[in-house]
């Protein structure tokens, strides 16, 4: 599968908002969005002025896709699945993306960014209900228990997490025992639990064209 290997800071600048792809750097003064808020490239400022309805819909779709690290084909499959579910399609889509294992690992603070969390999952460092799961797109369910492999727990990052607790706010649909590096999915996420500034209705309009 193809994957993006360029500068992730360019992605944030292109979308005009922080996607938190660079870990702790995104929270500090060295964040590229804060330093250079215009889109990358020679004509970034000009592109920012031209924004059609289609362009705004595209940007919202790209923002969600890039924030969660999902390729185009997979993102479209998520949309089709969300469309078949009961409820509001846009909310169903975001909830599904939020339930991805790599995102949950990031939300718990096990990874400093979603790309790092994805790497932890792929390299068999994360257990779900006591079993190794190395599929970042695995969708967690209520009452799932997520833990860190014992050998991985000895790394400095996880030692600090056990001693100081989570450095970021844990969503209310997750509970974390930092001392044991053990988390539980207490409920399914709701739209209000997702803090990304995404207008999901525009994504629905984009695919409904």
N, C-alpha and C. Protein backbone atom coordinates (compact mmCIF):
# COMPACT_ATOMS: atom_id res chain seq x y z
N UNK A 1 0.85 -1.20 0.00
CA UNK A 1 0.00 0.00 0.00
C UNK A 1 0.88 1.25 0.00
N UNK A 2 0.51 2.22 -0.83
CA UNK A 2 1.25 3.47 -0.88
C UNK A 2 1.06 4.24 0.42
N UNK A 3 2.09 5.00 0.79
CA UNK A 3 1.96 5.82 2.00
C UNK A 3 2.73 7.10 1.80
N UNK A 4 2.34 8.13 2.52
CA UNK A 4 2.98 9.43 2.41
C UNK A 4 4.29 9.42 3.18
N UNK A 5 5.37 9.85 2.52
CA UNK A 5 6.69 9.82 3.16
C UNK A 5 7.31 11.21 3.24
N UNK A 6 6.56 12.24 2.87
CA UNK A 6 7.10 13.59 2.91
C UNK A 6 6.96 14.22 4.29
N UNK A 7 7.15 15.52 4.34
CA UNK A 7 7.06 16.26 5.59
C UNK A 7 5.60 16.35 6.05
N UNK A 8 5.34 15.86 7.26
CA UNK A 8 3.96 15.91 7.76
C UNK A 8 3.55 17.34 8.12
N UNK A 9 4.53 18.19 8.39
CA UNK A 9 4.20 19.59 8.70
C UNK A 9 3.58 20.28 7.48
N UNK A 10 3.97 19.86 6.30
CA UNK A 10 3.37 20.41 5.09
C UNK A 10 1.88 20.08 5.01
N UNK A 11 1.51 18.91 5.53
CA UNK A 11 0.10 18.52 5.51
C UNK A 11 -0.72 19.43 6.41
N UNK A 12 -0.18 19.73 7.58
CA UNK A 12 -0.88 20.63 8.49
C UNK A 12 -1.03 22.02 7.88
N UNK A 13 0.03 22.51 7.27
CA UNK A 13 -0.03 23.83 6.64
C UNK A 13 -1.01 23.83 5.47
N UNK A 14 -1.06 22.73 4.73
CA UNK A 14 -1.98 22.66 3.59
C UNK A 14 -3.43 22.74 4.05
N UNK A 15 -3.72 22.10 5.21
CA UNK A 15 -5.09 22.11 5.72
C UNK A 15 -5.38 23.32 6.59
N UNK A 16 -4.34 24.09 6.93
CA UNK A 16 -4.54 25.31 7.71
C UNK A 16 -4.89 25.08 9.16
N UNK A 17 -4.57 23.91 9.69
CA UNK A 17 -4.86 23.61 11.09
C UNK A 17 -3.91 22.52 11.59
N UNK A 18 -3.77 22.42 12.89
CA UNK A 18 -2.91 21.40 13.47
C UNK A 18 -3.57 20.04 13.38
N UNK A 19 -2.87 19.08 12.80
CA UNK A 19 -3.35 17.70 12.73
C UNK A 19 -2.64 16.82 13.75
N UNK A 20 -1.69 17.41 14.48
CA UNK A 20 -0.97 16.73 15.56
C UNK A 20 -0.28 15.46 15.05
N UNK A 21 0.46 15.62 13.95
CA UNK A 21 1.17 14.50 13.34
C UNK A 21 2.63 14.42 13.78
N UNK A 22 3.08 15.43 14.53
CA UNK A 22 4.50 15.51 14.88
C UNK A 22 4.71 15.36 16.39
N UNK A 23 3.73 14.87 17.10
CA UNK A 23 3.90 14.65 18.53
C UNK A 23 3.98 15.94 19.33
N UNK A 24 4.90 15.97 20.27
CA UNK A 24 5.01 17.11 21.20
C UNK A 24 5.34 18.42 20.50
N UNK A 25 5.99 18.35 19.34
CA UNK A 25 6.34 19.58 18.62
C UNK A 25 5.09 20.39 18.26
N UNK A 26 3.98 19.71 18.03
CA UNK A 26 2.75 20.40 17.64
C UNK A 26 2.21 21.28 18.76
N UNK A 27 2.60 20.99 20.00
CA UNK A 27 2.09 21.75 21.14
C UNK A 27 3.01 22.91 21.52
N UNK A 28 4.18 23.00 20.88
CA UNK A 28 5.16 24.02 21.25
C UNK A 28 5.28 25.13 20.22
N UNK A 29 6.23 26.04 20.44
CA UNK A 29 6.40 27.20 19.56
C UNK A 29 7.00 26.85 18.20
N UNK A 30 7.53 25.63 18.05
CA UNK A 30 8.15 25.25 16.78
C UNK A 30 7.16 24.65 15.80
N UNK A 31 5.89 24.65 16.13
CA UNK A 31 4.87 24.11 15.23
C UNK A 31 4.87 24.91 13.92
N UNK A 32 4.88 24.20 12.81
CA UNK A 32 4.96 24.86 11.50
C UNK A 32 3.73 25.69 11.20
N UNK A 33 2.56 25.28 11.70
CA UNK A 33 1.34 26.04 11.44
C UNK A 33 1.41 27.41 12.10
N UNK A 34 2.00 27.47 13.30
CA UNK A 34 2.14 28.74 13.99
C UNK A 34 3.15 29.66 13.32
N UNK A 35 4.23 29.06 12.80
CA UNK A 35 5.28 29.87 12.17
C UNK A 35 4.88 30.32 10.77
N UNK A 36 4.30 29.39 10.00
CA UNK A 36 3.94 29.70 8.60
C UNK A 36 2.51 29.20 8.36
N UNK A 37 1.52 30.03 8.64
CA UNK A 37 0.13 29.59 8.55
C UNK A 37 -0.41 29.43 7.13
N UNK A 38 0.36 29.88 6.12
CA UNK A 38 -0.11 29.77 4.74
C UNK A 38 0.21 28.38 4.19
N UNK A 39 -0.53 27.92 3.17
CA UNK A 39 -0.25 26.63 2.55
C UNK A 39 1.16 26.59 1.98
N UNK A 40 1.78 25.40 1.89
CA UNK A 40 3.14 25.31 1.37
C UNK A 40 3.18 25.59 -0.12
N UNK A 41 4.35 25.92 -0.60
CA UNK A 41 4.52 26.16 -2.03
C UNK A 41 4.60 27.64 -2.36
N UNK A 42 5.08 27.91 -3.56
CA UNK A 42 5.32 29.30 -4.00
C UNK A 42 4.03 30.11 -4.04
N UNK A 43 2.91 29.45 -4.38
CA UNK A 43 1.65 30.17 -4.55
C UNK A 43 0.67 29.85 -3.43
N UNK A 44 1.19 29.58 -2.25
CA UNK A 44 0.34 29.21 -1.12
C UNK A 44 -0.69 30.25 -0.77
N UNK A 45 -0.29 31.51 -0.71
CA UNK A 45 -1.22 32.56 -0.33
C UNK A 45 -2.32 32.74 -1.38
N UNK A 46 -1.95 32.60 -2.66
CA UNK A 46 -2.93 32.74 -3.72
C UNK A 46 -3.95 31.61 -3.65
N UNK A 47 -3.48 30.38 -3.39
CA UNK A 47 -4.39 29.24 -3.28
C UNK A 47 -5.35 29.43 -2.11
N UNK A 48 -4.88 30.10 -1.06
CA UNK A 48 -5.72 30.29 0.12
C UNK A 48 -6.90 31.21 -0.19
N UNK A 49 -6.71 32.13 -1.13
CA UNK A 49 -7.78 33.08 -1.45
C UNK A 49 -8.86 32.44 -2.33
N UNK A 50 -8.47 31.49 -3.18
CA UNK A 50 -9.42 30.86 -4.08
C UNK A 50 -9.99 29.62 -3.39
N UNK A 51 -11.28 29.64 -3.07
CA UNK A 51 -11.87 28.50 -2.37
C UNK A 51 -13.32 28.33 -2.81
N UNK A 52 -13.57 27.39 -3.71
CA UNK A 52 -14.93 27.12 -4.17
C UNK A 52 -15.63 26.20 -3.17
N UNK A 53 -16.92 25.94 -3.40
CA UNK A 53 -17.66 25.02 -2.54
C UNK A 53 -17.05 23.63 -2.60
N UNK A 54 -16.72 23.20 -3.80
CA UNK A 54 -16.05 21.90 -3.96
C UNK A 54 -14.72 21.89 -3.24
N UNK A 55 -13.98 22.99 -3.34
CA UNK A 55 -12.68 23.08 -2.69
C UNK A 55 -12.79 22.96 -1.17
N UNK A 56 -13.81 23.59 -0.59
CA UNK A 56 -14.00 23.49 0.86
C UNK A 56 -14.37 22.08 1.28
N UNK A 57 -15.20 21.42 0.48
CA UNK A 57 -15.57 20.03 0.77
C UNK A 57 -14.35 19.12 0.68
N UNK A 58 -13.54 19.34 -0.33
CA UNK A 58 -12.32 18.54 -0.50
C UNK A 58 -11.37 18.72 0.67
N UNK A 59 -11.21 19.96 1.11
CA UNK A 59 -10.29 20.23 2.21
C UNK A 59 -10.76 19.54 3.50
N UNK A 60 -12.06 19.51 3.76
CA UNK A 60 -12.56 18.84 4.97
C UNK A 60 -12.30 17.34 4.88
N UNK A 61 -12.50 16.78 3.70
CA UNK A 61 -12.23 15.34 3.52
C UNK A 61 -10.76 15.05 3.70
N UNK A 62 -9.90 15.86 3.11
CA UNK A 62 -8.46 15.66 3.22
C UNK A 62 -7.99 15.86 4.66
N UNK A 63 -8.59 16.83 5.35
CA UNK A 63 -8.22 17.09 6.74
C UNK A 63 -8.48 15.86 7.61
N UNK A 64 -9.66 15.26 7.47
CA UNK A 64 -10.00 14.07 8.26
C UNK A 64 -9.11 12.90 7.87
N UNK A 65 -8.91 12.71 6.59
CA UNK A 65 -8.11 11.58 6.11
C UNK A 65 -6.67 11.67 6.59
N UNK A 66 -6.11 12.86 6.54
CA UNK A 66 -4.72 13.04 6.93
C UNK A 66 -4.56 13.01 8.44
N UNK A 67 -5.53 13.53 9.17
CA UNK A 67 -5.44 13.52 10.63
C UNK A 67 -5.37 12.09 11.15
N UNK A 68 -6.18 11.21 10.58
CA UNK A 68 -6.22 9.82 11.04
C UNK A 68 -5.25 8.91 10.29
N UNK A 69 -4.57 9.46 9.30
CA UNK A 69 -3.57 8.67 8.57
C UNK A 69 -4.15 7.57 7.72
N UNK A 70 -5.25 7.88 7.02
CA UNK A 70 -5.95 6.88 6.22
C UNK A 70 -5.79 7.21 4.73
N UNK A 71 -5.51 6.20 3.92
CA UNK A 71 -5.39 6.42 2.49
C UNK A 71 -6.77 6.61 1.87
N UNK A 72 -6.79 7.13 0.65
CA UNK A 72 -8.04 7.53 0.01
C UNK A 72 -9.02 6.37 -0.16
N UNK A 73 -8.56 5.24 -0.66
CA UNK A 73 -9.47 4.11 -0.90
C UNK A 73 -10.08 3.61 0.40
N UNK A 74 -9.26 3.50 1.43
CA UNK A 74 -9.76 3.04 2.73
C UNK A 74 -10.74 4.05 3.32
N UNK A 75 -10.45 5.33 3.17
CA UNK A 75 -11.33 6.36 3.70
C UNK A 75 -12.70 6.28 3.02
N UNK A 76 -12.70 6.06 1.71
CA UNK A 76 -13.96 5.94 0.99
C UNK A 76 -14.74 4.72 1.47
N UNK A 77 -14.05 3.64 1.77
CA UNK A 77 -14.73 2.45 2.30
C UNK A 77 -15.37 2.75 3.65
N UNK A 78 -14.66 3.51 4.48
CA UNK A 78 -15.24 3.93 5.76
C UNK A 78 -16.54 4.72 5.52
N UNK A 79 -16.50 5.61 4.54
CA UNK A 79 -17.69 6.42 4.26
C UNK A 79 -18.86 5.55 3.83
N UNK A 80 -18.61 4.60 2.94
CA UNK A 80 -19.68 3.73 2.46
C UNK A 80 -20.27 2.90 3.61
N UNK A 81 -19.41 2.46 4.50
CA UNK A 81 -19.88 1.70 5.66
C UNK A 81 -20.69 2.59 6.59
N UNK A 82 -20.23 3.83 6.80
CA UNK A 82 -20.96 4.78 7.65
C UNK A 82 -22.31 5.11 7.06
N UNK A 83 -22.38 5.15 5.74
CA UNK A 83 -23.62 5.48 5.04
C UNK A 83 -24.68 4.40 5.25
N UNK A 84 -24.23 3.16 5.40
CA UNK A 84 -25.15 2.04 5.57
C UNK A 84 -25.64 1.89 7.02
N UNK A 85 -24.97 2.55 7.95
CA UNK A 85 -25.36 2.44 9.35
C UNK A 85 -26.52 3.38 9.67
N UNK A 86 -27.21 3.08 10.76
CA UNK A 86 -28.27 3.97 11.23
C UNK A 86 -27.64 5.24 11.81
N UNK A 87 -28.36 6.33 11.73
CA UNK A 87 -27.85 7.57 12.29
C UNK A 87 -27.35 8.52 11.22
N UNK A 88 -26.58 9.51 11.65
CA UNK A 88 -26.06 10.55 10.76
C UNK A 88 -24.74 10.07 10.15
N UNK A 89 -24.67 10.06 8.84
CA UNK A 89 -23.52 9.48 8.14
C UNK A 89 -22.20 10.12 8.55
N UNK A 90 -22.15 11.44 8.61
CA UNK A 90 -20.91 12.12 8.96
C UNK A 90 -20.43 11.77 10.35
N UNK A 91 -21.34 11.72 11.30
CA UNK A 91 -20.97 11.34 12.67
C UNK A 91 -20.54 9.88 12.73
N UNK A 92 -21.24 9.02 12.01
CA UNK A 92 -20.86 7.61 11.97
C UNK A 92 -19.43 7.45 11.45
N UNK A 93 -19.08 8.26 10.45
CA UNK A 93 -17.74 8.20 9.86
C UNK A 93 -16.68 8.59 10.87
N UNK A 94 -16.87 9.70 11.57
CA UNK A 94 -15.87 10.16 12.53
C UNK A 94 -15.75 9.20 13.71
N UNK A 95 -16.87 8.66 14.16
CA UNK A 95 -16.84 7.71 15.28
C UNK A 95 -16.06 6.46 14.87
N UNK A 96 -16.25 6.01 13.63
CA UNK A 96 -15.52 4.84 13.15
C UNK A 96 -14.01 5.10 13.11
N UNK A 97 -13.63 6.28 12.64
CA UNK A 97 -12.22 6.64 12.59
C UNK A 97 -11.64 6.74 14.00
N UNK A 98 -12.44 7.26 14.92
CA UNK A 98 -11.99 7.42 16.31
C UNK A 98 -11.78 6.07 16.98
N UNK A 99 -12.50 5.05 16.54
CA UNK A 99 -12.39 3.72 17.14
C UNK A 99 -11.19 2.92 16.62
N UNK A 100 -10.49 3.44 15.63
CA UNK A 100 -9.31 2.73 15.13
C UNK A 100 -8.30 2.52 16.26
N UNK A 101 -7.67 1.36 16.28
CA UNK A 101 -6.76 1.04 17.37
C UNK A 101 -5.59 2.02 17.43
N UNK A 102 -5.04 2.42 16.29
CA UNK A 102 -3.91 3.36 16.34
C UNK A 102 -4.34 4.69 16.94
N UNK A 103 -5.56 5.13 16.66
CA UNK A 103 -6.05 6.37 17.25
C UNK A 103 -6.25 6.22 18.76
N UNK A 104 -6.78 5.06 19.18
CA UNK A 104 -7.00 4.83 20.61
C UNK A 104 -5.67 4.83 21.35
N UNK A 105 -4.66 4.19 20.78
CA UNK A 105 -3.33 4.17 21.39
C UNK A 105 -2.79 5.59 21.52
N UNK A 106 -3.04 6.42 20.52
CA UNK A 106 -2.62 7.82 20.59
C UNK A 106 -3.40 8.58 21.65
N UNK A 107 -4.71 8.39 21.69
CA UNK A 107 -5.54 9.10 22.66
C UNK A 107 -5.15 8.75 24.10
N UNK A 108 -4.67 7.54 24.30
CA UNK A 108 -4.27 7.12 25.65
C UNK A 108 -2.90 7.65 26.05
N UNK A 109 -2.18 8.24 25.09
CA UNK A 109 -0.85 8.75 25.39
C UNK A 109 0.24 7.71 25.25
N UNK A 110 -0.12 6.51 24.77
CA UNK A 110 0.91 5.48 24.55
C UNK A 110 1.83 5.89 23.41
N UNK A 111 1.30 6.64 22.46
CA UNK A 111 2.08 7.19 21.37
C UNK A 111 1.96 8.70 21.39
N UNK A 112 3.03 9.41 21.08
CA UNK A 112 2.99 10.88 21.10
C UNK A 112 2.27 11.45 19.89
N UNK A 113 2.09 10.65 18.86
CA UNK A 113 1.36 11.08 17.67
C UNK A 113 0.69 9.84 17.08
N UNK A 114 -0.24 10.06 16.17
CA UNK A 114 -0.90 8.92 15.55
C UNK A 114 0.08 8.08 14.71
N UNK A 115 1.02 8.70 13.97
CA UNK A 115 1.99 7.87 13.26
C UNK A 115 2.82 6.99 14.20
N UNK A 116 3.23 7.53 15.34
CA UNK A 116 3.98 6.71 16.30
C UNK A 116 3.10 5.62 16.89
N UNK A 117 1.86 5.96 17.19
CA UNK A 117 0.93 4.95 17.71
C UNK A 117 0.71 3.84 16.69
N UNK A 118 0.63 4.20 15.42
CA UNK A 118 0.46 3.20 14.36
C UNK A 118 1.65 2.26 14.32
N UNK A 119 2.84 2.82 14.52
CA UNK A 119 4.05 1.99 14.51
C UNK A 119 4.06 1.03 15.70
N UNK A 120 3.60 1.49 16.86
CA UNK A 120 3.52 0.63 18.03
C UNK A 120 2.60 -0.56 17.77
N UNK A 121 1.48 -0.28 17.11
CA UNK A 121 0.53 -1.36 16.81
C UNK A 121 1.13 -2.33 15.81
N UNK A 122 1.72 -1.81 14.76
CA UNK A 122 2.26 -2.67 13.70
C UNK A 122 3.40 -3.56 14.19
N UNK A 123 4.13 -3.08 15.16
CA UNK A 123 5.29 -3.83 15.66
C UNK A 123 4.94 -4.71 16.86
N UNK A 124 3.67 -4.99 17.03
CA UNK A 124 3.20 -5.96 18.04
C UNK A 124 3.46 -5.53 19.48
N UNK A 125 3.40 -4.23 19.75
CA UNK A 125 3.62 -3.76 21.12
C UNK A 125 2.32 -3.61 21.91
N UNK A 126 1.20 -3.74 21.24
CA UNK A 126 -0.10 -3.48 21.87
C UNK A 126 -0.93 -4.76 21.93
N UNK A 127 -1.56 -4.98 23.07
CA UNK A 127 -2.44 -6.13 23.25
C UNK A 127 -3.87 -5.65 23.41
N UNK A 128 -4.80 -6.36 22.82
CA UNK A 128 -6.23 -6.10 22.99
C UNK A 128 -6.85 -7.35 23.59
N UNK A 129 -7.39 -7.22 24.78
CA UNK A 129 -7.96 -8.36 25.50
C UNK A 129 -6.95 -9.50 25.65
N UNK A 130 -5.68 -9.10 25.88
CA UNK A 130 -4.62 -10.07 26.12
C UNK A 130 -4.01 -10.68 24.88
N UNK A 131 -4.46 -10.28 23.70
CA UNK A 131 -3.94 -10.85 22.45
C UNK A 131 -3.28 -9.75 21.62
N UNK A 132 -2.18 -10.11 20.95
CA UNK A 132 -1.50 -9.15 20.09
C UNK A 132 -2.37 -8.80 18.89
N UNK A 133 -2.50 -7.51 18.64
CA UNK A 133 -3.22 -7.02 17.46
C UNK A 133 -2.30 -6.05 16.76
N UNK A 134 -1.89 -6.38 15.55
CA UNK A 134 -0.96 -5.52 14.82
C UNK A 134 -1.62 -4.87 13.60
N UNK A 135 -2.92 -4.67 13.68
CA UNK A 135 -3.68 -4.04 12.59
C UNK A 135 -4.15 -2.67 13.07
N UNK A 136 -3.54 -1.59 12.58
CA UNK A 136 -3.91 -0.23 13.04
C UNK A 136 -5.38 0.10 12.83
N UNK A 137 -6.01 -0.48 11.81
CA UNK A 137 -7.40 -0.16 11.51
C UNK A 137 -8.39 -0.99 12.32
N UNK A 138 -7.91 -1.85 13.20
CA UNK A 138 -8.79 -2.64 14.05
C UNK A 138 -9.71 -1.71 14.84
N UNK A 139 -11.01 -1.98 14.81
CA UNK A 139 -11.98 -1.13 15.50
C UNK A 139 -12.27 -1.69 16.89
N UNK A 140 -11.98 -0.90 17.91
CA UNK A 140 -12.23 -1.34 19.28
C UNK A 140 -13.72 -1.31 19.57
N UNK A 141 -14.12 -2.11 20.55
CA UNK A 141 -15.52 -2.16 20.98
C UNK A 141 -15.60 -1.89 22.47
N UNK A 142 -16.81 -1.64 22.94
CA UNK A 142 -17.01 -1.39 24.37
C UNK A 142 -16.51 -2.58 25.18
N UNK A 143 -15.85 -2.28 26.29
CA UNK A 143 -15.30 -3.25 27.24
C UNK A 143 -14.00 -3.90 26.78
N UNK A 144 -13.48 -3.50 25.63
CA UNK A 144 -12.15 -3.99 25.23
C UNK A 144 -11.10 -3.45 26.20
N UNK A 145 -10.12 -4.29 26.51
CA UNK A 145 -9.02 -3.90 27.40
C UNK A 145 -7.74 -3.81 26.57
N UNK A 146 -7.09 -2.67 26.62
CA UNK A 146 -5.89 -2.40 25.83
C UNK A 146 -4.70 -2.26 26.77
N UNK A 147 -3.67 -3.04 26.54
CA UNK A 147 -2.48 -3.02 27.38
C UNK A 147 -1.23 -2.96 26.51
N UNK A 148 -0.11 -2.68 27.16
CA UNK A 148 1.18 -2.64 26.49
C UNK A 148 1.93 -3.93 26.79
N UNK A 149 2.59 -4.49 25.79
CA UNK A 149 3.35 -5.72 25.99
C UNK A 149 4.38 -5.52 27.10
N UNK A 150 4.54 -6.47 28.02
CA UNK A 150 5.43 -6.29 29.19
C UNK A 150 6.84 -5.81 28.83
N UNK A 151 7.42 -6.37 27.78
CA UNK A 151 8.78 -5.97 27.41
C UNK A 151 8.80 -4.52 26.93
N UNK A 152 7.77 -4.12 26.20
CA UNK A 152 7.67 -2.74 25.70
C UNK A 152 7.49 -1.76 26.86
N UNK A 153 6.82 -2.20 27.91
CA UNK A 153 6.55 -1.34 29.07
C UNK A 153 7.81 -0.86 29.77
N UNK A 154 8.95 -1.50 29.47
CA UNK A 154 10.22 -1.11 30.08
C UNK A 154 10.90 0.05 29.35
N UNK A 155 10.37 0.46 28.22
CA UNK A 155 10.94 1.60 27.51
C UNK A 155 10.74 2.88 28.32
N UNK A 156 11.64 3.85 28.15
CA UNK A 156 11.61 5.08 28.95
C UNK A 156 10.28 5.81 28.84
N UNK A 157 9.72 5.85 27.64
CA UNK A 157 8.46 6.57 27.45
C UNK A 157 7.37 6.01 28.36
N UNK A 158 7.29 4.70 28.44
CA UNK A 158 6.24 4.07 29.24
C UNK A 158 6.58 4.11 30.74
N UNK A 159 7.85 4.12 31.07
CA UNK A 159 8.23 4.30 32.47
C UNK A 159 7.78 5.68 32.96
N UNK A 160 7.99 6.69 32.13
CA UNK A 160 7.56 8.05 32.49
C UNK A 160 6.04 8.12 32.60
N UNK A 161 5.35 7.41 31.70
CA UNK A 161 3.90 7.41 31.74
C UNK A 161 3.37 6.78 33.02
N UNK A 162 4.01 5.71 33.46
CA UNK A 162 3.59 5.06 34.71
C UNK A 162 3.83 5.96 35.91
N UNK A 163 4.92 6.73 35.88
CA UNK A 163 5.28 7.56 37.02
C UNK A 163 4.49 8.87 37.09
N UNK A 164 4.26 9.48 35.92
CA UNK A 164 3.65 10.81 35.91
C UNK A 164 2.20 10.82 35.44
N UNK A 165 1.74 9.71 34.88
CA UNK A 165 0.39 9.68 34.35
C UNK A 165 0.34 10.26 32.94
N UNK A 166 -0.85 10.27 32.37
CA UNK A 166 -1.01 10.76 31.00
C UNK A 166 -0.74 12.26 30.91
N UNK A 167 -0.03 12.67 29.88
CA UNK A 167 0.31 14.08 29.70
C UNK A 167 -0.80 14.84 28.98
N UNK A 168 -1.74 14.13 28.38
CA UNK A 168 -2.85 14.80 27.70
C UNK A 168 -4.17 14.26 28.23
N UNK A 169 -5.22 15.01 27.98
CA UNK A 169 -6.54 14.66 28.48
C UNK A 169 -7.03 13.38 27.82
N UNK A 170 -7.47 12.42 28.62
CA UNK A 170 -7.98 11.16 28.11
C UNK A 170 -9.48 11.33 27.82
N UNK A 171 -9.94 10.94 26.63
CA UNK A 171 -11.38 11.06 26.34
C UNK A 171 -12.22 10.30 27.36
N UNK A 172 -13.43 10.78 27.59
CA UNK A 172 -14.27 10.18 28.63
C UNK A 172 -14.74 8.79 28.27
N UNK A 173 -14.65 8.38 27.01
CA UNK A 173 -15.07 7.03 26.64
C UNK A 173 -13.96 6.00 26.85
N UNK A 174 -12.81 6.48 27.34
CA UNK A 174 -11.69 5.61 27.68
C UNK A 174 -11.31 5.82 29.14
N UNK A 175 -10.88 4.76 29.80
CA UNK A 175 -10.34 4.89 31.15
C UNK A 175 -8.93 4.30 31.15
N UNK A 176 -8.02 4.95 31.86
CA UNK A 176 -6.62 4.54 31.85
C UNK A 176 -6.09 4.37 33.26
N UNK A 177 -5.48 3.23 33.49
CA UNK A 177 -4.71 2.99 34.70
C UNK A 177 -3.24 3.12 34.30
N UNK A 178 -2.69 4.33 34.47
CA UNK A 178 -1.34 4.61 33.99
C UNK A 178 -0.30 3.73 34.68
N UNK A 179 -0.48 3.44 35.96
CA UNK A 179 0.48 2.63 36.71
C UNK A 179 0.60 1.23 36.12
N UNK A 180 -0.50 0.72 35.61
CA UNK A 180 -0.51 -0.64 35.04
C UNK A 180 -0.44 -0.62 33.51
N UNK A 181 -0.44 0.58 32.93
CA UNK A 181 -0.49 0.72 31.46
C UNK A 181 -1.64 -0.11 30.89
N UNK A 182 -2.79 0.07 31.49
CA UNK A 182 -3.97 -0.70 31.13
C UNK A 182 -5.14 0.25 30.92
N UNK A 183 -5.81 0.10 29.80
CA UNK A 183 -6.94 0.97 29.47
C UNK A 183 -8.15 0.13 29.11
N UNK A 184 -9.32 0.72 29.33
CA UNK A 184 -10.57 0.05 29.01
C UNK A 184 -11.44 0.98 28.19
N UNK A 185 -12.07 0.42 27.16
CA UNK A 185 -13.03 1.18 26.37
C UNK A 185 -14.36 1.11 27.12
N UNK A 186 -14.70 2.15 27.82
CA UNK A 186 -15.89 2.14 28.68
C UNK A 186 -17.18 2.36 27.90
N UNK A 187 -17.09 2.97 26.73
CA UNK A 187 -18.27 3.23 25.91
C UNK A 187 -17.80 3.55 24.49
N UNK A 188 -18.74 3.62 23.58
CA UNK A 188 -18.40 4.03 22.23
C UNK A 188 -18.29 5.56 22.18
N UNK A 189 -17.34 6.09 21.41
CA UNK A 189 -17.20 7.54 21.34
C UNK A 189 -18.41 8.20 20.69
N UNK A 190 -18.70 9.42 21.12
CA UNK A 190 -19.77 10.22 20.54
C UNK A 190 -19.14 11.41 19.80
N UNK A 191 -19.93 12.09 19.00
CA UNK A 191 -19.40 13.22 18.22
C UNK A 191 -18.79 14.28 19.12
N UNK A 192 -19.38 14.52 20.27
CA UNK A 192 -18.86 15.54 21.18
C UNK A 192 -17.49 15.18 21.76
N UNK A 193 -17.12 13.90 21.70
CA UNK A 193 -15.84 13.47 22.24
C UNK A 193 -14.69 13.70 21.27
N UNK A 194 -14.99 14.05 20.03
CA UNK A 194 -13.96 14.19 19.00
C UNK A 194 -13.60 15.66 18.88
N UNK A 195 -12.36 15.99 19.23
CA UNK A 195 -11.95 17.39 19.32
C UNK A 195 -11.38 17.97 18.04
N UNK A 196 -11.33 17.20 16.96
CA UNK A 196 -10.82 17.73 15.70
C UNK A 196 -11.85 18.67 15.08
N UNK A 197 -11.37 19.77 14.51
CA UNK A 197 -12.27 20.75 13.90
C UNK A 197 -12.58 20.33 12.47
N UNK A 198 -13.48 19.38 12.35
CA UNK A 198 -13.86 18.83 11.04
C UNK A 198 -15.36 19.03 10.85
N UNK A 199 -15.74 19.55 9.71
CA UNK A 199 -17.15 19.69 9.36
C UNK A 199 -17.55 18.47 8.54
N UNK A 200 -18.01 17.45 9.24
CA UNK A 200 -18.27 16.17 8.58
C UNK A 200 -19.39 16.24 7.54
N UNK A 201 -20.28 17.22 7.68
CA UNK A 201 -21.35 17.36 6.69
C UNK A 201 -20.78 17.67 5.30
N UNK A 202 -19.66 18.38 5.26
CA UNK A 202 -19.03 18.69 3.98
C UNK A 202 -18.41 17.45 3.35
N UNK A 203 -17.94 16.52 4.18
CA UNK A 203 -17.41 15.26 3.64
C UNK A 203 -18.54 14.47 2.99
N UNK A 204 -19.70 14.46 3.64
CA UNK A 204 -20.86 13.77 3.08
C UNK A 204 -21.26 14.42 1.75
N UNK A 205 -21.24 15.76 1.71
CA UNK A 205 -21.58 16.46 0.46
C UNK A 205 -20.56 16.16 -0.63
N UNK A 206 -19.30 16.02 -0.26
CA UNK A 206 -18.25 15.73 -1.24
C UNK A 206 -18.52 14.40 -1.92
N UNK A 207 -18.86 13.37 -1.15
CA UNK A 207 -19.08 12.06 -1.73
C UNK A 207 -20.46 11.91 -2.34
N UNK A 208 -21.33 12.90 -2.10
CA UNK A 208 -22.69 12.84 -2.66
C UNK A 208 -22.79 13.60 -3.97
N UNK A 209 -21.72 14.15 -4.45
CA UNK A 209 -21.74 14.94 -5.67
C UNK A 209 -22.05 14.05 -6.87
